[in-house]
Amino acid sequence: MELGLEGKVAIVTGGSYGIGKAAAWRMSMEGAGVAICARRQEVLDQAADDIRAQSEGEVLTVSADVSIASDVDRVVDATLERFGRIDILVNNAGQSDARAFESVTDEEWQADLDLKLYASIRFARACIPHMRKVGGGKIINVTNLGAKAPGASSVPTSVSRAAGVAVTKALSRDVAKDNILVNTVCIGLIKSGQHERRYDGLAAGNPGLSQEEFYDRLASGRDVPLGRVGEPEEAGDVIAFLASDRASYLTGIAVNIDGGGSPVV
């Protein structure tokens, strides 16, 4: 299927690994120029090399902490300087921070909101004027299943992600007149750097534990009907579709990418 991304330009936050890298790779394969940002330059450079090796597309890397407002502006400015336009924004930066309510301090609440909620707000606010200039755009906010169905010991992540879903819906109504479509993907159990670090810790004390067995245990423990942990590329493909011309009548929606694991639609 031709996605109509040739010549488009995308910013992907948290683009050095996992879902962000997979989304950037798929859009690059479809002909888009991509700007990826994350905090560690060496990991960004490796991700860019991996994407270029397969797509031969143009990839810009910008080392940035998206919880800092000035870094958000710097990423947007660097993208415009390199590509001259912005068509797509994928707000993917973030990590899971799930604990019992009474254990989370004010400072930890604020840090989580800065990373996941305010970063997406600031990026959208900075990119929307440039999307208007090119006749429209796509914003995809990466949230998680806890945004719809928070569980025990799930804060602050479930709260910041729920706010991300609400921002998605509200913003989609504000900018529809400008042909800017805003959607969110609610991520379930997908392979990630966090899971790999957890596996490394467990494997250190249990050398016989394979990564495949580790992921099998995760899937069975989370009651995933499809019986496995998702691949980053499976989420990246959905994000690329939502960023494409093929998704031209989809806005204000929240798509579960979870192998059927969510208790809500």
Foldseek 3Di string as FASTA:
>chain_A
DQQALALAEEEFEVLLWFLNLLLCLVSLQNHYEYEYEEADPVSNVVSQVVSCVPRVGHYHYDHAQLLDLVRLVVSVVVRCVVRVAHAEYELDWDDFDFFAPVVADPVNLSVRLSGQPVSLVSNCVVRVVRQLVVQEHEYEYEAALLLVPNDGRRPDRNVSRVVVLVCQQVVQVVCVVSLYAGEYEHEAFEDTPVLVVVVVVVCVVVVVDDPQNSQQVVCVVLVQVQRGGHYSNVSSVVSSSSRGPVVSPDHSYYHYPHNRRRPDD
